Protein backbone atom coordinates (compact mmCIF):
# COMPACT_ATOMS: atom_id res chain seq x y z
CA MET A 1 -94.97 -96.59 -23.20
CA GLY A 2 -92.10 -97.52 -19.94
CA ALA A 3 -90.03 -94.05 -21.10
CA PHE A 4 -94.16 -92.36 -19.54
CA TRP A 5 -94.18 -95.15 -16.55
CA ALA A 6 -90.12 -94.24 -15.67
CA SER A 7 -90.18 -90.13 -16.48
CA ARG A 8 -93.13 -90.60 -13.58
CA LEU A 9 -90.81 -92.05 -11.21
CA LEU A 10 -87.83 -89.25 -11.87
CA SER A 11 -90.00 -86.56 -12.74
CA GLN A 12 -88.24 -85.34 -9.17
CA PHE A 13 -85.11 -86.17 -10.35
CA LEU A 14 -84.90 -83.37 -13.47
CA TYR A 15 -84.78 -80.18 -13.78
CA GLY A 16 -85.45 -78.30 -16.27
CA ILE A 17 -87.90 -80.23 -18.21
CA GLU A 18 -91.21 -81.30 -17.16
CA ALA A 19 -91.67 -85.13 -16.91
CA TRP A 20 -93.60 -85.33 -20.14
CA ASP A 21 -92.33 -83.19 -22.80
CA LEU A 22 -92.58 -83.80 -25.77
CA ALA A 23 -89.48 -82.51 -26.93
CA THR A 24 -87.24 -84.20 -25.64
CA TYR A 25 -89.16 -87.31 -26.19
CA LEU A 26 -89.18 -86.99 -30.40
CA ALA A 27 -84.84 -85.95 -29.87
CA MET A 28 -83.98 -89.31 -27.95
CA ALA A 29 -86.58 -91.49 -30.41
CA ALA A 30 -84.61 -89.47 -33.07
CA ALA A 31 -80.88 -90.72 -31.44
CA LEU A 32 -81.77 -94.75 -31.19
CA LEU A 33 -83.43 -94.14 -34.91
CA GLY A 34 -80.11 -92.57 -36.44
CA LEU A 35 -77.88 -95.07 -34.42
CA SER A 36 -79.65 -97.82 -34.98
CA ALA A 37 -79.68 -97.45 -38.42
CA ILE A 38 -75.47 -96.73 -38.65
CA ALA A 39 -75.41 -99.94 -36.38
CA SER A 40 -77.57 -102.03 -38.53
CA TYR A 41 -75.72 -100.13 -42.11
CA LEU A 42 -71.86 -101.01 -41.13
CA PRO A 43 -72.90 -104.46 -41.31
CA ALA A 44 -74.57 -104.55 -44.98
CA GLN A 45 -71.86 -102.25 -46.41
CA GLN A 46 -68.96 -105.32 -45.47
CA ALA A 47 -71.06 -108.08 -46.11
CA GLY A 48 -71.80 -106.54 -49.58
CA ARG A 49 -68.60 -106.22 -50.45
CA VAL A 50 -68.59 -109.97 -51.08
CA SER A 51 -69.85 -112.28 -52.88
CA PRO A 52 -72.61 -115.01 -53.04
CA THR A 53 -70.93 -116.85 -54.81
CA GLU A 54 -67.53 -116.81 -52.83
CA VAL A 55 -69.17 -118.04 -49.69
CA LEU A 56 -71.48 -120.80 -51.02
CA MET A 57 -67.47 -122.39 -52.30
CA GLU A 58 -66.60 -122.10 -49.28
CA ASP A 59 -69.12 -124.03 -47.06
């Protein structure tokens, strides 16, 4: 919702696309989804390599 509101304010600076360009919104949503998936996958991959018993034994 914030993107729609901001696009109305910034529409005078947008060249080559409309303020309500659906393809741009979908591309940005896909990019954010992909980045968040990578950002959560990499730490989970590292945490998965550690044995839970080793972690519990350290405490």
